Amino acid sequence: MKVAVDFDQCEANGICVGFAPDVFELDDEDQLHVLVDDIPAEQLEDVKDAVAQCPKAALKLI
């Protein structure tokens, strides 16, 4: 499973980083980066929480 980011919607508020810091990262310019191509099984629940809690609905599991 992968996570897709709608960068037009993303506010880079970092909520996803709080839920899954091994998957998401904000750089010094507040740009969101997905650190993995495929979500590891042990991170999937955290990523699902990040997707559900994104205030702009900018994240989607694919």
PDB file of N, CA and C in Angstrom:
ATOM      1  N   MET A   1       0.838  -1.170   0.000  1.00  0.00           N
ATOM      2  CA  MET A   1       0.000   0.000   0.000  1.00  0.00           C
ATOM      3  C   MET A   1       0.892   1.244   0.000  1.00  0.00           C
ATOM      4  N   LYS A   2       0.397   2.285  -0.650  1.00  0.00           N
ATOM      5  CA  LYS A   2       1.130   3.542  -0.756  1.00  0.00           C
ATOM      6  C   LYS A   2       0.249   4.676  -0.248  1.00  0.00           C
ATOM      7  N   VAL A   3       0.872   5.802  -0.003  1.00  0.00           N
ATOM      8  CA  VAL A   3       0.119   6.996   0.366  1.00  0.00           C
ATOM      9  C   VAL A   3       0.384   8.065  -0.684  1.00  0.00           C
ATOM     10  N   ALA A   4      -0.693   8.720  -1.106  1.00  0.00           N
ATOM     11  CA  ALA A   4      -0.587   9.802  -2.083  1.00  0.00           C
ATOM     12  C   ALA A   4      -0.906  11.112  -1.379  1.00  0.00           C
ATOM     13  N   VAL A   5      -0.233  12.171  -1.793  1.00  0.00           N
ATOM     14  CA  VAL A   5      -0.428  13.498  -1.212  1.00  0.00           C
ATOM     15  C   VAL A   5      -0.936  14.434  -2.295  1.00  0.00           C
ATOM     16  N   ASP A   6      -2.030  15.109  -2.015  1.00  0.00           N
ATOM     17  CA  ASP A   6      -2.528  16.170  -2.887  1.00  0.00           C
ATOM     18  C   ASP A   6      -1.857  17.457  -2.411  1.00  0.00           C
ATOM     19  N   PHE A   7      -0.782  17.819  -3.069  1.00  0.00           N
ATOM     20  CA  PHE A   7       0.007  18.970  -2.626  1.00  0.00           C
ATOM     21  C   PHE A   7      -0.737  20.291  -2.799  1.00  0.00           C
ATOM     22  N   ASP A   8      -1.794  20.314  -3.631  1.00  0.00           N
ATOM     23  CA  ASP A   8      -2.608  21.519  -3.736  1.00  0.00           C
ATOM     24  C   ASP A   8      -3.446  21.730  -2.478  1.00  0.00           C
ATOM     25  N   GLN A   9      -3.750  20.661  -1.771  1.00  0.00           N
ATOM     26  CA  GLN A   9      -4.544  20.730  -0.548  1.00  0.00           C
ATOM     27  C   GLN A   9      -3.690  20.791   0.721  1.00  0.00           C
ATOM     28  N   CYS A  10      -2.493  20.219   0.670  1.00  0.00           N
ATOM     29  CA  CYS A  10      -1.646  20.078   1.856  1.00  0.00           C
ATOM     30  C   CYS A  10      -1.227  21.441   2.409  1.00  0.00           C
ATOM     31  N   GLU A  11      -1.447  21.625   3.714  1.00  0.00           N
ATOM     32  CA  GLU A  11      -1.028  22.852   4.402  1.00  0.00           C
ATOM     33  C   GLU A  11       0.295  22.676   5.132  1.00  0.00           C
ATOM     34  N   ALA A  12       0.848  21.470   5.082  1.00  0.00           N
ATOM     35  CA  ALA A  12       2.113  21.155   5.760  1.00  0.00           C
ATOM     36  C   ALA A  12       2.045  21.510   7.241  1.00  0.00           C
ATOM     37  N   ASN A  13       0.923  21.156   7.871  1.00  0.00           N
ATOM     38  CA  ASN A  13       0.789  21.447   9.299  1.00  0.00           C
ATOM     39  C   ASN A  13       1.437  20.389  10.172  1.00  0.00           C
ATOM     40  N   GLY A  14       1.818  19.262   9.592  1.00  0.00           N
ATOM     41  CA  GLY A  14       2.618  18.269  10.302  1.00  0.00           C
ATOM     42  C   GLY A  14       1.859  17.265  11.138  1.00  0.00           C
ATOM     43  N   ILE A  15       0.549  17.273  11.079  1.00  0.00           N
ATOM     44  CA  ILE A  15      -0.209  16.279  11.847  1.00  0.00           C
ATOM     45  C   ILE A  15       0.187  14.870  11.425  1.00  0.00           C
ATOM     46  N   CYS A  16       0.365  14.654  10.150  1.00  0.00           N
ATOM     47  CA  CYS A  16       0.754  13.326   9.661  1.00  0.00           C
ATOM     48  C   CYS A  16       2.127  12.915  10.196  1.00  0.00           C
ATOM     49  N   VAL A  17       3.030  13.875  10.310  1.00  0.00           N
ATOM     50  CA  VAL A  17       4.365  13.591  10.853  1.00  0.00           C
ATOM     51  C   VAL A  17       4.241  13.130  12.298  1.00  0.00           C
ATOM     52  N   GLY A  18       3.325  13.722  13.034  1.00  0.00           N
ATOM     53  CA  GLY A  18       3.113  13.325  14.414  1.00  0.00           C
ATOM     54  C   GLY A  18       2.617  11.895  14.545  1.00  0.00           C
ATOM     55  N   PHE A  19       1.788  11.467  13.607  1.00  0.00           N
ATOM     56  CA  PHE A  19       1.254  10.104  13.639  1.00  0.00           C
ATOM     57  C   PHE A  19       2.243   9.083  13.091  1.00  0.00           C
ATOM     58  N   ALA A  20       2.979   9.444  12.053  1.00  0.00           N
ATOM     59  CA  ALA A  20       3.864   8.476  11.385  1.00  0.00           C
ATOM     60  C   ALA A  20       5.178   9.143  10.967  1.00  0.00           C
ATOM     61  N   PRO A  21       6.051   9.446  11.940  1.00  0.00           N
ATOM     62  CA  PRO A  21       7.295  10.162  11.618  1.00  0.00           C
ATOM     63  C   PRO A  21       8.282   9.346  10.786  1.00  0.00           C
ATOM     64  N   ASP A  22       8.109   8.038  10.714  1.00  0.00           N
ATOM     65  CA  ASP A  22       8.979   7.231   9.864  1.00  0.00           C
ATOM     66  C   ASP A  22       8.505   7.218   8.413  1.00  0.00           C
ATOM     67  N   VAL A  23       7.317   7.774   8.173  1.00  0.00           N
ATOM     68  CA  VAL A  23       6.740   7.782   6.827  1.00  0.00           C
ATOM     69  C   VAL A  23       6.688   9.191   6.249  1.00  0.00           C
ATOM     70  N   PHE A  24       6.401  10.177   7.095  1.00  0.00           N
ATOM     71  CA  PHE A  24       6.252  11.562   6.642  1.00  0.00           C
ATOM     72  C   PHE A  24       7.326  12.443   7.271  1.00  0.00           C
ATOM     73  N   GLU A  25       7.716  13.481   6.512  1.00  0.00           N
ATOM     74  CA  GLU A  25       8.702  14.438   7.009  1.00  0.00           C
ATOM     75  C   GLU A  25       8.402  15.807   6.424  1.00  0.00           C
ATOM     76  N   LEU A  26       8.560  16.835   7.251  1.00  0.00           N
ATOM     77  CA  LEU A  26       8.518  18.211   6.764  1.00  0.00           C
ATOM     78  C   LEU A  26       9.938  18.734   6.704  1.00  0.00           C
ATOM     79  N   ASP A  27      10.295  19.338   5.572  1.00  0.00           N
ATOM     80  CA  ASP A  27      11.640  19.887   5.467  1.00  0.00           C
ATOM     81  C   ASP A  27      11.673  21.309   6.020  1.00  0.00           C
ATOM     82  N   ASP A  28      12.815  21.945   5.926  1.00  0.00           N
ATOM     83  CA  ASP A  28      13.001  23.290   6.474  1.00  0.00           C
ATOM     84  C   ASP A  28      12.121  24.339   5.799  1.00  0.00           C
ATOM     85  N   GLU A  29      11.604  24.013   4.618  1.00  0.00           N
ATOM     86  CA  GLU A  29      10.738  24.939   3.892  1.00  0.00           C
ATOM     87  C   GLU A  29       9.271  24.541   4.005  1.00  0.00           C
ATOM     88  N   ASP A  30       8.972  23.679   4.978  1.00  0.00           N
ATOM     89  CA  ASP A  30       7.605  23.189   5.217  1.00  0.00           C
ATOM     90  C   ASP A  30       7.005  22.476   4.014  1.00  0.00           C
ATOM     91  N   GLN A  31       7.834  21.735   3.333  1.00  0.00           N
ATOM     92  CA  GLN A  31       7.353  20.870   2.251  1.00  0.00           C
ATOM     93  C   GLN A  31       7.247  19.449   2.790  1.00  0.00           C
ATOM     94  N   LEU A  32       6.114  18.810   2.561  1.00  0.00           N
ATOM     95  CA  LEU A  32       5.906  17.453   3.035  1.00  0.00           C
ATOM     96  C   LEU A  32       6.572  16.459   2.094  1.00  0.00           C
ATOM     97  N   HIS A  33       7.228  15.466   2.681  1.00  0.00           N
ATOM     98  CA  HIS A  33       7.852  14.387   1.918  1.00  0.00           C
ATOM     99  C   HIS A  33       7.379  13.058   2.479  1.00  0.00           C
ATOM    100  N   VAL A  34       7.075  12.135   1.568  1.00  0.00           N
ATOM    101  CA  VAL A  34       6.767  10.762   1.954  1.00  0.00           C
ATOM    102  C   VAL A  34       8.081  10.005   1.838  1.00  0.00           C
ATOM    103  N   LEU A  35       8.506   9.406   2.934  1.00  0.00           N
ATOM    104  CA  LEU A  35       9.839   8.813   3.009  1.00  0.00           C
ATOM    105  C   LEU A  35       9.911   7.385   2.495  1.00  0.00           C
ATOM    106  N   VAL A  36       8.778   6.753   2.251  1.00  0.00           N
ATOM    107  CA  VAL A  36       8.767   5.360   1.799  1.00  0.00           C
ATOM    108  C   VAL A  36       7.862   5.226   0.582  1.00  0.00           C
ATOM    109  N   ASP A  37       8.237   4.299  -0.304  1.00  0.00           N
ATOM    110  CA  ASP A  37       7.373   4.028  -1.457  1.00  0.00           C
ATOM    111  C   ASP A  37       6.189   3.167  -1.047  1.00  0.00           C
ATOM    112  N   ASP A  38       6.472   2.083  -0.350  1.00  0.00           N
ATOM    113  CA  ASP A  38       5.433   1.185   0.143  1.00  0.00           C
ATOM    114  C   ASP A  38       5.422   1.259   1.660  1.00  0.00           C
ATOM    115  N   ILE A  39       4.246   1.409   2.214  1.00  0.00           N
ATOM    116  CA  ILE A  39       4.122   1.540   3.659  1.00  0.00           C
ATOM    117  C   ILE A  39       4.391   0.193   4.314  1.00  0.00           C
ATOM    118  N   PRO A  40       5.357   0.135   5.229  1.00  0.00           N
ATOM    119  CA  PRO A  40       5.617  -1.118   5.953  1.00  0.00           C
ATOM    120  C   PRO A  40       4.398  -1.517   6.785  1.00  0.00           C
ATOM    121  N   ALA A  41       4.151  -2.811   6.895  1.00  0.00           N
ATOM    122  CA  ALA A  41       2.982  -3.315   7.617  1.00  0.00           C
ATOM    123  C   ALA A  41       2.908  -2.761   9.034  1.00  0.00           C
ATOM    124  N   GLU A  42       4.057  -2.626   9.688  1.00  0.00           N
ATOM    125  CA  GLU A  42       4.055  -2.145  11.066  1.00  0.00           C
ATOM    126  C   GLU A  42       3.727  -0.653  11.172  1.00  0.00           C
ATOM    127  N   GLN A  43       3.733   0.076  10.062  1.00  0.00           N
ATOM    128  CA  GLN A  43       3.405   1.504  10.049  1.00  0.00           C
ATOM    129  C   GLN A  43       1.995   1.782   9.524  1.00  0.00           C
ATOM    130  N   LEU A  44       1.327   0.766   9.005  1.00  0.00           N
ATOM    131  CA  LEU A  44       0.061   0.982   8.301  1.00  0.00           C
ATOM    132  C   LEU A  44      -1.006   1.617   9.186  1.00  0.00           C
ATOM    133  N   GLU A  45      -1.172   1.172  10.406  1.00  0.00           N
ATOM    134  CA  GLU A  45      -2.203   1.753  11.279  1.00  0.00           C
ATOM    135  C   GLU A  45      -1.905   3.220  11.572  1.00  0.00           C
ATOM    136  N   ASP A  46      -0.632   3.549  11.785  1.00  0.00           N
ATOM    137  CA  ASP A  46      -0.261   4.943  12.026  1.00  0.00           C
ATOM    138  C   ASP A  46      -0.563   5.811  10.807  1.00  0.00           C
ATOM    139  N   VAL A  47      -0.287   5.280   9.619  1.00  0.00           N
ATOM    140  CA  VAL A  47      -0.555   6.029   8.390  1.00  0.00           C
ATOM    141  C   VAL A  47      -2.057   6.181   8.184  1.00  0.00           C
ATOM    142  N   LYS A  48      -2.826   5.145   8.490  1.00  0.00           N
ATOM    143  CA  LYS A  48      -4.288   5.260   8.390  1.00  0.00           C
ATOM    144  C   LYS A  48      -4.794   6.356   9.319  1.00  0.00           C
ATOM    145  N   ASP A  49      -4.236   6.441  10.515  1.00  0.00           N
ATOM    146  CA  ASP A  49      -4.609   7.508  11.440  1.00  0.00           C
ATOM    147  C   ASP A  49      -4.234   8.873  10.879  1.00  0.00           C
ATOM    148  N   ALA A  50      -3.055   8.968  10.284  1.00  0.00           N
ATOM    149  CA  ALA A  50      -2.613  10.237   9.689  1.00  0.00           C
ATOM    150  C   ALA A  50      -3.549  10.663   8.565  1.00  0.00           C
ATOM    151  N   VAL A  51      -3.941   9.718   7.730  1.00  0.00           N
ATOM    152  CA  VAL A  51      -4.867  10.009   6.626  1.00  0.00           C
ATOM    153  C   VAL A  51      -6.202  10.496   7.189  1.00  0.00           C
ATOM    154  N   ALA A  52      -6.699   9.805   8.192  1.00  0.00           N
ATOM    155  CA  ALA A  52      -8.002  10.150   8.774  1.00  0.00           C
ATOM    156  C   ALA A  52      -7.976  11.509   9.472  1.00  0.00           C
ATOM    157  N   GLN A  53      -6.841  11.890  10.042  1.00  0.00           N
ATOM    158  CA  GLN A  53      -6.758  13.122  10.822  1.00  0.00           C
ATOM    159  C   GLN A  53      -6.298  14.337  10.018  1.00  0.00           C
ATOM    160  N   CYS A  54      -5.911  14.144   8.776  1.00  0.00           N
ATOM    161  CA  CYS A  54      -5.453  15.274   7.952  1.00  0.00           C
ATOM    162  C   CYS A  54      -6.589  16.296   7.816  1.00  0.00           C
ATOM    163  N   PRO A  55      -6.385  17.517   8.302  1.00  0.00           N
ATOM    164  CA  PRO A  55      -7.468  18.505   8.288  1.00  0.00           C
ATOM    165  C   PRO A  55      -7.878  18.970   6.897  1.00  0.00           C
ATOM    166  N   LYS A  56      -7.031  18.793   5.930  1.00  0.00           N
ATOM    167  CA  LYS A  56      -7.349  19.214   4.548  1.00  0.00           C
ATOM    168  C   LYS A  56      -7.663  18.019   3.639  1.00  0.00           C
ATOM    169  N   ALA A  57      -7.698  16.817   4.204  1.00  0.00           N
ATOM    170  CA  ALA A  57      -7.959  15.599   3.421  1.00  0.00           C
ATOM    171  C   ALA A  57      -6.997  15.509   2.232  1.00  0.00           C
ATOM    172  N   ALA A  58      -5.740  15.840   2.474  1.00  0.00           N
ATOM    173  CA  ALA A  58      -4.724  15.855   1.426  1.00  0.00           C
ATOM    174  C   ALA A  58      -4.031  14.512   1.254  1.00  0.00           C
ATOM    175  N   LEU A  59      -4.301  13.549   2.143  1.00  0.00           N
ATOM    176  CA  LEU A  59      -3.656  12.249   2.075  1.00  0.00           C
ATOM    177  C   LEU A  59      -4.662  11.188   1.671  1.00  0.00           C
ATOM    178  N   LYS A  60      -4.181  10.207   0.891  1.00  0.00           N
ATOM    179  CA  LYS A  60      -5.043   9.121   0.453  1.00  0.00           C
ATOM    180  C   LYS A  60      -4.215   7.851   0.349  1.00  0.00           C
ATOM    181  N   LEU A  61      -4.754   6.748   0.827  1.00  0.00           N
ATOM    182  CA  LEU A  61      -4.108   5.454   0.652  1.00  0.00           C
ATOM    183  C   LEU A  61      -4.467   4.902  -0.707  1.00  0.00           C
ATOM    184  N   ILE A  62      -3.455   4.395  -1.403  1.00  0.00           N
ATOM    185  CA  ILE A  62      -3.702   3.812  -2.734  1.00  0.00           C
ATOM    186  C   ILE A  62      -3.093   2.430  -2.810  1.00  0.00           C
TER     187      ILE A  62
END
